[in-house]
Amino acid sequence: MDFLFWSVYKAEFFIPSELDISTQKPSEIITSYPQALKITYLRDISKQDLIQATLDQWQQIGVTPKNLDAWLIQLNVIWPDIKKGDQLVLKVNRSQQSQFYFKAKSANRLELIGTIDDVSFGPTFSAIWLSEKTTRPELRKQLLKIK
């Protein structure tokens, strides 16, 4: 994803291999669990800027979660400051519990950094990229392999 002249991140969306993404509607794909969204950052971003960008995107796509304040507090506890090359992964399991994993550029593996049990969080967070109302429709097409 680029903003003005800068590349900000690279996003990847994962679903179980037994799901045939070519035969399913996007609405079926984004409501299939487990799923994961991996963001590899191409710039340094402070935790506060990341949280603000998340809030801004929810507002731009018209999402007003009733648990917004609680989620923002949880994200402030869970998320680290990001350095170029770091990765954040959101995994939403079959019971729709959201788990955040982090991998520093210099690390060898992902580490669980926090969990949000609210079943509405995962779909709401992923909507930033996967919703039909996303501010980045071309990225959505790439993530969902829509032609």
N, C-alpha and C. Protein backbone atom coordinates (compact mmCIF):
# COMPACT_ATOMS: atom_id res chain seq x y z
N MET A 1 0.85 -1.16 0.00
CA MET A 1 0.00 0.00 0.00
C MET A 1 0.89 1.22 0.00
N ASP A 2 0.61 2.11 -0.91
CA ASP A 2 1.38 3.35 -1.01
C ASP A 2 0.52 4.51 -0.55
N PHE A 3 1.19 5.50 0.04
CA PHE A 3 0.55 6.76 0.43
C PHE A 3 1.41 7.87 -0.11
N LEU A 4 0.83 8.66 -0.99
CA LEU A 4 1.56 9.70 -1.71
C LEU A 4 2.77 9.08 -2.39
N PHE A 5 3.98 9.42 -1.95
CA PHE A 5 5.18 8.91 -2.61
C PHE A 5 5.81 7.73 -1.90
N TRP A 6 5.25 7.33 -0.75
CA TRP A 6 5.90 6.34 0.10
C TRP A 6 5.15 5.01 0.11
N SER A 7 5.90 3.94 0.09
CA SER A 7 5.32 2.63 0.32
C SER A 7 5.24 2.45 1.84
N VAL A 8 4.06 2.09 2.33
CA VAL A 8 3.84 2.00 3.77
C VAL A 8 3.91 0.55 4.25
N TYR A 9 3.25 -0.35 3.54
CA TYR A 9 3.25 -1.75 3.95
C TYR A 9 2.90 -2.66 2.79
N LYS A 10 3.12 -3.93 3.01
CA LYS A 10 2.70 -4.99 2.10
C LYS A 10 1.72 -5.85 2.89
N ALA A 11 0.56 -6.16 2.31
CA ALA A 11 -0.45 -6.96 2.99
C ALA A 11 -0.64 -8.29 2.28
N GLU A 12 -0.90 -9.33 3.10
CA GLU A 12 -1.20 -10.66 2.57
C GLU A 12 -2.35 -11.24 3.38
N PHE A 13 -3.27 -11.93 2.70
CA PHE A 13 -4.44 -12.52 3.34
C PHE A 13 -4.37 -14.03 3.15
N PHE A 14 -4.59 -14.76 4.24
CA PHE A 14 -4.48 -16.22 4.21
C PHE A 14 -5.77 -16.86 4.70
N ILE A 15 -6.21 -17.90 3.98
CA ILE A 15 -7.34 -18.74 4.39
C ILE A 15 -6.88 -20.18 4.26
N PRO A 16 -7.60 -21.13 4.87
CA PRO A 16 -7.18 -22.53 4.75
C PRO A 16 -7.07 -22.99 3.30
N SER A 17 -6.10 -23.81 3.03
CA SER A 17 -5.84 -24.26 1.65
C SER A 17 -6.99 -25.06 1.07
N GLU A 18 -7.84 -25.64 1.92
CA GLU A 18 -8.96 -26.42 1.37
C GLU A 18 -10.06 -25.54 0.80
N LEU A 19 -10.03 -24.24 1.07
CA LEU A 19 -11.01 -23.33 0.49
C LEU A 19 -10.53 -22.89 -0.88
N ASP A 20 -11.39 -23.04 -1.87
CA ASP A 20 -11.04 -22.63 -3.23
C ASP A 20 -11.49 -21.20 -3.44
N ILE A 21 -10.54 -20.29 -3.34
CA ILE A 21 -10.85 -18.86 -3.44
C ILE A 21 -11.43 -18.50 -4.81
N SER A 22 -11.14 -19.29 -5.84
CA SER A 22 -11.62 -18.96 -7.18
C SER A 22 -13.09 -19.29 -7.38
N THR A 23 -13.67 -20.11 -6.51
CA THR A 23 -15.08 -20.49 -6.68
C THR A 23 -16.00 -19.86 -5.65
N GLN A 24 -15.45 -19.08 -4.73
CA GLN A 24 -16.27 -18.48 -3.69
C GLN A 24 -16.44 -16.98 -3.91
N LYS A 25 -17.54 -16.48 -3.45
CA LYS A 25 -17.78 -15.04 -3.50
C LYS A 25 -16.92 -14.38 -2.43
N PRO A 26 -16.50 -13.13 -2.66
CA PRO A 26 -15.70 -12.43 -1.64
C PRO A 26 -16.37 -12.43 -0.26
N SER A 27 -17.70 -12.29 -0.23
CA SER A 27 -18.39 -12.27 1.07
C SER A 27 -18.25 -13.60 1.80
N GLU A 28 -18.15 -14.70 1.06
CA GLU A 28 -17.95 -16.01 1.68
C GLU A 28 -16.52 -16.17 2.17
N ILE A 29 -15.58 -15.64 1.42
CA ILE A 29 -14.17 -15.75 1.76
C ILE A 29 -13.87 -14.99 3.05
N ILE A 30 -14.36 -13.77 3.14
CA ILE A 30 -14.00 -12.94 4.30
C ILE A 30 -14.73 -13.36 5.57
N THR A 31 -15.71 -14.25 5.45
CA THR A 31 -16.38 -14.76 6.64
C THR A 31 -16.01 -16.21 6.92
N SER A 32 -14.97 -16.70 6.27
CA SER A 32 -14.46 -18.05 6.52
C SER A 32 -13.34 -17.98 7.54
N TYR A 33 -13.39 -18.86 8.50
CA TYR A 33 -12.38 -18.89 9.56
C TYR A 33 -11.84 -20.29 9.71
N PRO A 34 -10.58 -20.43 10.05
CA PRO A 34 -9.62 -19.40 10.42
C PRO A 34 -9.14 -18.61 9.20
N GLN A 35 -8.59 -17.45 9.50
CA GLN A 35 -8.00 -16.60 8.49
C GLN A 35 -6.91 -15.76 9.15
N ALA A 36 -6.04 -15.22 8.31
CA ALA A 36 -4.97 -14.37 8.84
C ALA A 36 -4.68 -13.25 7.85
N LEU A 37 -4.33 -12.12 8.41
CA LEU A 37 -3.93 -10.95 7.63
C LEU A 37 -2.54 -10.57 8.12
N LYS A 38 -1.57 -10.61 7.21
CA LYS A 38 -0.18 -10.28 7.57
C LYS A 38 0.19 -8.95 6.93
N ILE A 39 0.71 -8.05 7.77
CA ILE A 39 1.17 -6.75 7.29
C ILE A 39 2.68 -6.67 7.54
N THR A 40 3.43 -6.47 6.47
CA THR A 40 4.86 -6.24 6.56
C THR A 40 5.08 -4.75 6.32
N TYR A 41 5.64 -4.09 7.31
CA TYR A 41 5.78 -2.63 7.25
C TYR A 41 7.06 -2.22 6.54
N LEU A 42 6.93 -1.21 5.71
CA LEU A 42 8.05 -0.71 4.91
C LEU A 42 8.54 0.64 5.41
N ARG A 43 8.01 1.05 6.56
CA ARG A 43 8.38 2.32 7.21
C ARG A 43 8.26 2.16 8.71
N ASP A 44 8.93 3.00 9.46
CA ASP A 44 8.73 3.06 10.90
C ASP A 44 7.39 3.75 11.17
N ILE A 45 6.62 3.19 12.12
CA ILE A 45 5.33 3.76 12.48
C ILE A 45 5.17 3.61 13.99
N SER A 46 4.86 4.69 14.67
CA SER A 46 4.64 4.60 16.11
C SER A 46 3.32 3.88 16.39
N LYS A 47 3.25 3.28 17.55
CA LYS A 47 2.03 2.60 17.97
C LYS A 47 0.84 3.56 17.91
N GLN A 48 1.03 4.78 18.37
CA GLN A 48 -0.07 5.75 18.38
C GLN A 48 -0.53 6.09 16.96
N ASP A 49 0.42 6.22 16.03
CA ASP A 49 0.04 6.49 14.63
C ASP A 49 -0.70 5.30 14.03
N LEU A 50 -0.30 4.10 14.38
CA LEU A 50 -0.96 2.89 13.89
C LEU A 50 -2.39 2.81 14.41
N ILE A 51 -2.57 3.09 15.68
CA ILE A 51 -3.91 3.09 16.27
C ILE A 51 -4.77 4.19 15.64
N GLN A 52 -4.21 5.37 15.45
CA GLN A 52 -4.96 6.47 14.83
C GLN A 52 -5.34 6.12 13.40
N ALA A 53 -4.42 5.50 12.66
CA ALA A 53 -4.72 5.11 11.27
C ALA A 53 -5.85 4.07 11.23
N THR A 54 -5.86 3.16 12.19
CA THR A 54 -6.93 2.17 12.29
C THR A 54 -8.27 2.87 12.54
N LEU A 55 -8.29 3.76 13.49
CA LEU A 55 -9.50 4.53 13.80
C LEU A 55 -9.95 5.33 12.58
N ASP A 56 -9.03 6.00 11.92
CA ASP A 56 -9.36 6.79 10.72
C ASP A 56 -9.98 5.92 9.63
N GLN A 57 -9.40 4.74 9.42
CA GLN A 57 -9.93 3.85 8.39
C GLN A 57 -11.33 3.36 8.74
N TRP A 58 -11.56 3.02 9.99
CA TRP A 58 -12.91 2.61 10.39
C TRP A 58 -13.90 3.73 10.13
N GLN A 59 -13.52 4.96 10.44
CA GLN A 59 -14.41 6.09 10.20
C GLN A 59 -14.66 6.28 8.71
N GLN A 60 -13.62 6.12 7.89
CA GLN A 60 -13.77 6.33 6.45
C GLN A 60 -14.65 5.28 5.79
N ILE A 61 -14.65 4.06 6.33
CA ILE A 61 -15.50 3.02 5.73
C ILE A 61 -16.86 2.92 6.43
N GLY A 62 -17.10 3.82 7.40
CA GLY A 62 -18.40 3.88 8.05
C GLY A 62 -18.62 2.84 9.13
N VAL A 63 -17.55 2.35 9.74
CA VAL A 63 -17.67 1.37 10.81
C VAL A 63 -17.64 2.10 12.15
N THR A 64 -18.65 1.84 12.96
CA THR A 64 -18.69 2.45 14.30
C THR A 64 -18.95 1.34 15.33
N PRO A 65 -17.91 0.62 15.70
CA PRO A 65 -18.08 -0.48 16.64
C PRO A 65 -18.52 0.00 18.01
N LYS A 66 -19.45 -0.74 18.61
CA LYS A 66 -19.93 -0.36 19.94
C LYS A 66 -18.84 -0.53 20.99
N ASN A 67 -17.86 -1.39 20.72
CA ASN A 67 -16.77 -1.64 21.66
C ASN A 67 -15.50 -0.88 21.31
N LEU A 68 -15.63 0.17 20.55
CA LEU A 68 -14.48 0.90 20.04
C LEU A 68 -13.50 1.32 21.13
N ASP A 69 -14.00 1.94 22.17
CA ASP A 69 -13.10 2.42 23.23
C ASP A 69 -12.31 1.27 23.87
N ALA A 70 -12.98 0.16 24.12
CA ALA A 70 -12.30 -0.99 24.71
C ALA A 70 -11.25 -1.55 23.76
N TRP A 71 -11.58 -1.59 22.47
CA TRP A 71 -10.62 -2.10 21.49
C TRP A 71 -9.40 -1.21 21.40
N LEU A 72 -9.60 0.10 21.40
CA LEU A 72 -8.46 1.02 21.30
C LEU A 72 -7.54 0.87 22.52
N ILE A 73 -8.12 0.66 23.68
CA ILE A 73 -7.31 0.43 24.88
C ILE A 73 -6.51 -0.87 24.73
N GLN A 74 -7.17 -1.92 24.24
CA GLN A 74 -6.49 -3.21 24.06
C GLN A 74 -5.37 -3.09 23.02
N LEU A 75 -5.62 -2.40 21.92
CA LEU A 75 -4.59 -2.24 20.89
C LEU A 75 -3.40 -1.46 21.44
N ASN A 76 -3.67 -0.49 22.28
CA ASN A 76 -2.59 0.29 22.88
C ASN A 76 -1.70 -0.59 23.76
N VAL A 77 -2.28 -1.58 24.40
CA VAL A 77 -1.52 -2.51 25.22
C VAL A 77 -0.78 -3.54 24.36
N ILE A 78 -1.44 -4.01 23.31
CA ILE A 78 -0.91 -5.12 22.50
C ILE A 78 0.17 -4.67 21.51
N TRP A 79 -0.11 -3.62 20.75
CA TRP A 79 0.77 -3.27 19.64
C TRP A 79 2.05 -2.59 20.09
N PRO A 80 3.16 -2.94 19.44
CA PRO A 80 4.43 -2.23 19.69
C PRO A 80 4.59 -1.09 18.69
N ASP A 81 5.60 -0.28 18.90
CA ASP A 81 6.03 0.64 17.84
C ASP A 81 6.61 -0.22 16.73
N ILE A 82 6.40 0.18 15.50
CA ILE A 82 6.82 -0.60 14.34
C ILE A 82 8.07 0.00 13.72
N LYS A 83 8.98 -0.87 13.34
CA LYS A 83 10.19 -0.47 12.60
C LYS A 83 10.11 -1.07 11.20
N LYS A 84 10.75 -0.44 10.26
CA LYS A 84 10.78 -0.93 8.88
C LYS A 84 11.19 -2.40 8.88
N GLY A 85 10.37 -3.24 8.21
CA GLY A 85 10.66 -4.67 8.11
C GLY A 85 9.93 -5.52 9.13
N ASP A 86 9.32 -4.90 10.14
CA ASP A 86 8.54 -5.65 11.13
C ASP A 86 7.24 -6.16 10.52
N GLN A 87 6.69 -7.20 11.14
CA GLN A 87 5.42 -7.77 10.69
C GLN A 87 4.44 -7.86 11.85
N LEU A 88 3.19 -7.52 11.56
CA LEU A 88 2.07 -7.78 12.46
C LEU A 88 1.14 -8.73 11.74
N VAL A 89 0.67 -9.75 12.44
CA VAL A 89 -0.26 -10.71 11.87
C VAL A 89 -1.48 -10.78 12.77
N LEU A 90 -2.65 -10.66 12.16
CA LEU A 90 -3.89 -10.91 12.87
C LEU A 90 -4.40 -12.27 12.42
N LYS A 91 -4.50 -13.19 13.36
CA LYS A 91 -5.11 -14.50 13.08
C LYS A 91 -6.45 -14.54 13.78
N VAL A 92 -7.50 -14.84 13.02
CA VAL A 92 -8.82 -15.01 13.59
C VAL A 92 -9.14 -16.50 13.50
N ASN A 93 -9.27 -17.15 14.66
CA ASN A 93 -9.46 -18.60 14.67
C ASN A 93 -10.92 -18.98 14.41
N ARG A 94 -11.19 -20.27 14.40
CA ARG A 94 -12.55 -20.76 14.09
C ARG A 94 -13.61 -20.20 15.03
N SER A 95 -13.25 -19.94 16.28
CA SER A 95 -14.22 -19.39 17.23
C SER A 95 -14.22 -17.85 17.20
N GLN A 96 -13.54 -17.29 16.22
CA GLN A 96 -13.46 -15.85 15.94
C GLN A 96 -12.77 -15.06 17.05
N GLN A 97 -11.88 -15.70 17.74
CA GLN A 97 -11.00 -15.01 18.68
C GLN A 97 -9.85 -14.44 17.84
N SER A 98 -9.47 -13.19 18.12
CA SER A 98 -8.42 -12.52 17.35
C SER A 98 -7.11 -12.55 18.11
N GLN A 99 -6.07 -13.03 17.44
CA GLN A 99 -4.75 -13.11 18.04
C GLN A 99 -3.78 -12.31 17.19
N PHE A 100 -3.04 -11.42 17.85
CA PHE A 100 -2.02 -10.65 17.16
C PHE A 100 -0.65 -11.28 17.42
N TYR A 101 0.09 -11.42 16.34
CA TYR A 101 1.46 -11.92 16.40
C TYR A 101 2.37 -10.82 15.86
N PHE A 102 3.60 -10.80 16.35
CA PHE A 102 4.57 -9.80 15.94
C PHE A 102 5.89 -10.49 15.62
N LYS A 103 6.52 -10.01 14.56
CA LYS A 103 7.86 -10.48 14.21
C LYS A 103 8.69 -9.26 13.87
N ALA A 104 9.69 -8.99 14.71
CA ALA A 104 10.64 -7.92 14.39
C ALA A 104 11.47 -8.37 13.20
N LYS A 105 11.94 -7.43 12.43
CA LYS A 105 12.74 -7.76 11.25
C LYS A 105 13.91 -8.66 11.61
N SER A 106 14.51 -8.44 12.77
CA SER A 106 15.68 -9.21 13.19
C SER A 106 15.34 -10.54 13.85
N ALA A 107 14.05 -10.81 14.09
CA ALA A 107 13.64 -12.04 14.79
C ALA A 107 13.49 -13.20 13.83
N ASN A 108 13.51 -14.40 14.38
CA ASN A 108 13.38 -15.61 13.57
C ASN A 108 11.96 -16.12 13.45
N ARG A 109 11.07 -15.67 14.36
CA ARG A 109 9.71 -16.21 14.31
C ARG A 109 8.70 -15.21 14.86
N LEU A 110 7.45 -15.49 14.53
CA LEU A 110 6.34 -14.71 15.06
C LEU A 110 6.13 -15.05 16.53
N GLU A 111 5.75 -14.05 17.31
CA GLU A 111 5.42 -14.28 18.71
C GLU A 111 4.05 -13.71 19.00
N LEU A 112 3.23 -14.46 19.73
CA LEU A 112 1.92 -13.99 20.15
C LEU A 112 2.11 -12.80 21.09
N ILE A 113 1.47 -11.67 20.76
CA ILE A 113 1.62 -10.48 21.60
C ILE A 113 0.32 -10.06 22.27
N GLY A 114 -0.80 -10.65 21.85
CA GLY A 114 -2.05 -10.29 22.50
C GLY A 114 -3.26 -10.89 21.81
N THR A 115 -4.34 -10.96 22.57
CA THR A 115 -5.58 -11.56 22.10
C THR A 115 -6.75 -10.65 22.41
N ILE A 116 -7.69 -10.59 21.47
CA ILE A 116 -8.95 -9.88 21.69
C ILE A 116 -10.05 -10.92 21.50
N ASP A 117 -10.81 -11.18 22.56
CA ASP A 117 -11.82 -12.24 22.54
C ASP A 117 -13.13 -11.83 21.89
N ASP A 118 -13.39 -10.55 21.75
CA ASP A 118 -14.64 -10.06 21.16
C ASP A 118 -14.74 -10.56 19.72
N VAL A 119 -15.77 -11.37 19.43
CA VAL A 119 -15.90 -11.98 18.10
C VAL A 119 -16.14 -10.97 16.99
N SER A 120 -16.54 -9.77 17.33
CA SER A 120 -16.76 -8.77 16.28
C SER A 120 -15.48 -8.00 15.92
N PHE A 121 -14.42 -8.15 16.71
CA PHE A 121 -13.21 -7.40 16.42
C PHE A 121 -12.55 -7.83 15.11
N GLY A 122 -12.29 -9.12 14.94
CA GLY A 122 -11.58 -9.61 13.75
C GLY A 122 -12.19 -9.16 12.44
N PRO A 123 -13.51 -9.41 12.25
CA PRO A 123 -14.13 -8.95 11.00
C PRO A 123 -14.10 -7.43 10.83
N THR A 124 -14.23 -6.72 11.94
CA THR A 124 -14.21 -5.25 11.87
C THR A 124 -12.82 -4.74 11.52
N PHE A 125 -11.80 -5.33 12.11
CA PHE A 125 -10.43 -4.93 11.79
C PHE A 125 -10.11 -5.28 10.34
N SER A 126 -10.42 -6.48 9.92
CA SER A 126 -10.13 -6.92 8.55
C SER A 126 -10.90 -6.11 7.51
N ALA A 127 -12.04 -5.56 7.91
CA ALA A 127 -12.84 -4.76 6.98
C ALA A 127 -12.07 -3.58 6.41
N ILE A 128 -11.07 -3.13 7.14
CA ILE A 128 -10.24 -2.03 6.63
C ILE A 128 -9.69 -2.38 5.25
N TRP A 129 -9.34 -3.64 5.04
CA TRP A 129 -8.78 -4.10 3.77
C TRP A 129 -9.77 -4.89 2.92
N LEU A 130 -10.71 -5.60 3.55
CA LEU A 130 -11.53 -6.56 2.83
C LEU A 130 -12.95 -6.11 2.53
N SER A 131 -13.41 -5.06 3.18
CA SER A 131 -14.77 -4.57 2.96
C SER A 131 -14.90 -3.97 1.56
N GLU A 132 -16.11 -4.06 1.03
CA GLU A 132 -16.39 -3.41 -0.25
C GLU A 132 -16.23 -1.89 -0.14
N LYS A 133 -16.29 -1.37 1.07
CA LYS A 133 -16.16 0.08 1.30
C LYS A 133 -14.72 0.50 1.57
N THR A 134 -13.77 -0.41 1.48
CA THR A 134 -12.38 -0.08 1.76
C THR A 134 -11.91 1.14 0.97
N THR A 135 -10.98 1.86 1.53
CA THR A 135 -10.41 3.01 0.82
C THR A 135 -9.34 2.55 -0.17
N ARG A 136 -9.03 1.28 -0.18
CA ARG A 136 -8.02 0.71 -1.07
C ARG A 136 -8.62 -0.45 -1.88
N PRO A 137 -9.53 -0.16 -2.82
CA PRO A 137 -10.21 -1.24 -3.55
C PRO A 137 -9.28 -2.11 -4.39
N GLU A 138 -8.21 -1.55 -4.92
CA GLU A 138 -7.28 -2.37 -5.70
C GLU A 138 -6.55 -3.37 -4.81
N LEU A 139 -6.17 -2.94 -3.61
CA LEU A 139 -5.53 -3.85 -2.66
C LEU A 139 -6.51 -4.95 -2.26
N ARG A 140 -7.77 -4.60 -2.05
CA ARG A 140 -8.79 -5.61 -1.72
C ARG A 140 -8.87 -6.66 -2.81
N LYS A 141 -8.89 -6.23 -4.06
CA LYS A 141 -8.95 -7.17 -5.19
C LYS A 141 -7.75 -8.11 -5.16
N GLN A 142 -6.58 -7.58 -4.88
CA GLN A 142 -5.38 -8.41 -4.81
C GLN A 142 -5.47 -9.41 -3.67
N LEU A 143 -5.88 -8.95 -2.50
CA LEU A 143 -5.96 -9.84 -1.34
C LEU A 143 -6.96 -10.96 -1.54
N LEU A 144 -8.09 -10.65 -2.18
CA LEU A 144 -9.15 -11.64 -2.39
C LEU A 144 -9.06 -12.33 -3.75
N LYS A 145 -8.01 -11.98 -4.49
CA LYS A 145 -7.78 -12.55 -5.83
C LYS A 145 -9.00 -12.38 -6.74
N ILE A 146 -9.53 -11.15 -6.74
CA ILE A 146 -10.66 -10.80 -7.60
C ILE A 146 -10.10 -10.22 -8.89
N LYS A 147 -10.63 -10.68 -9.98
CA LYS A 147 -10.16 -10.20 -11.30
C LYS A 147 -10.88 -8.95 -11.72
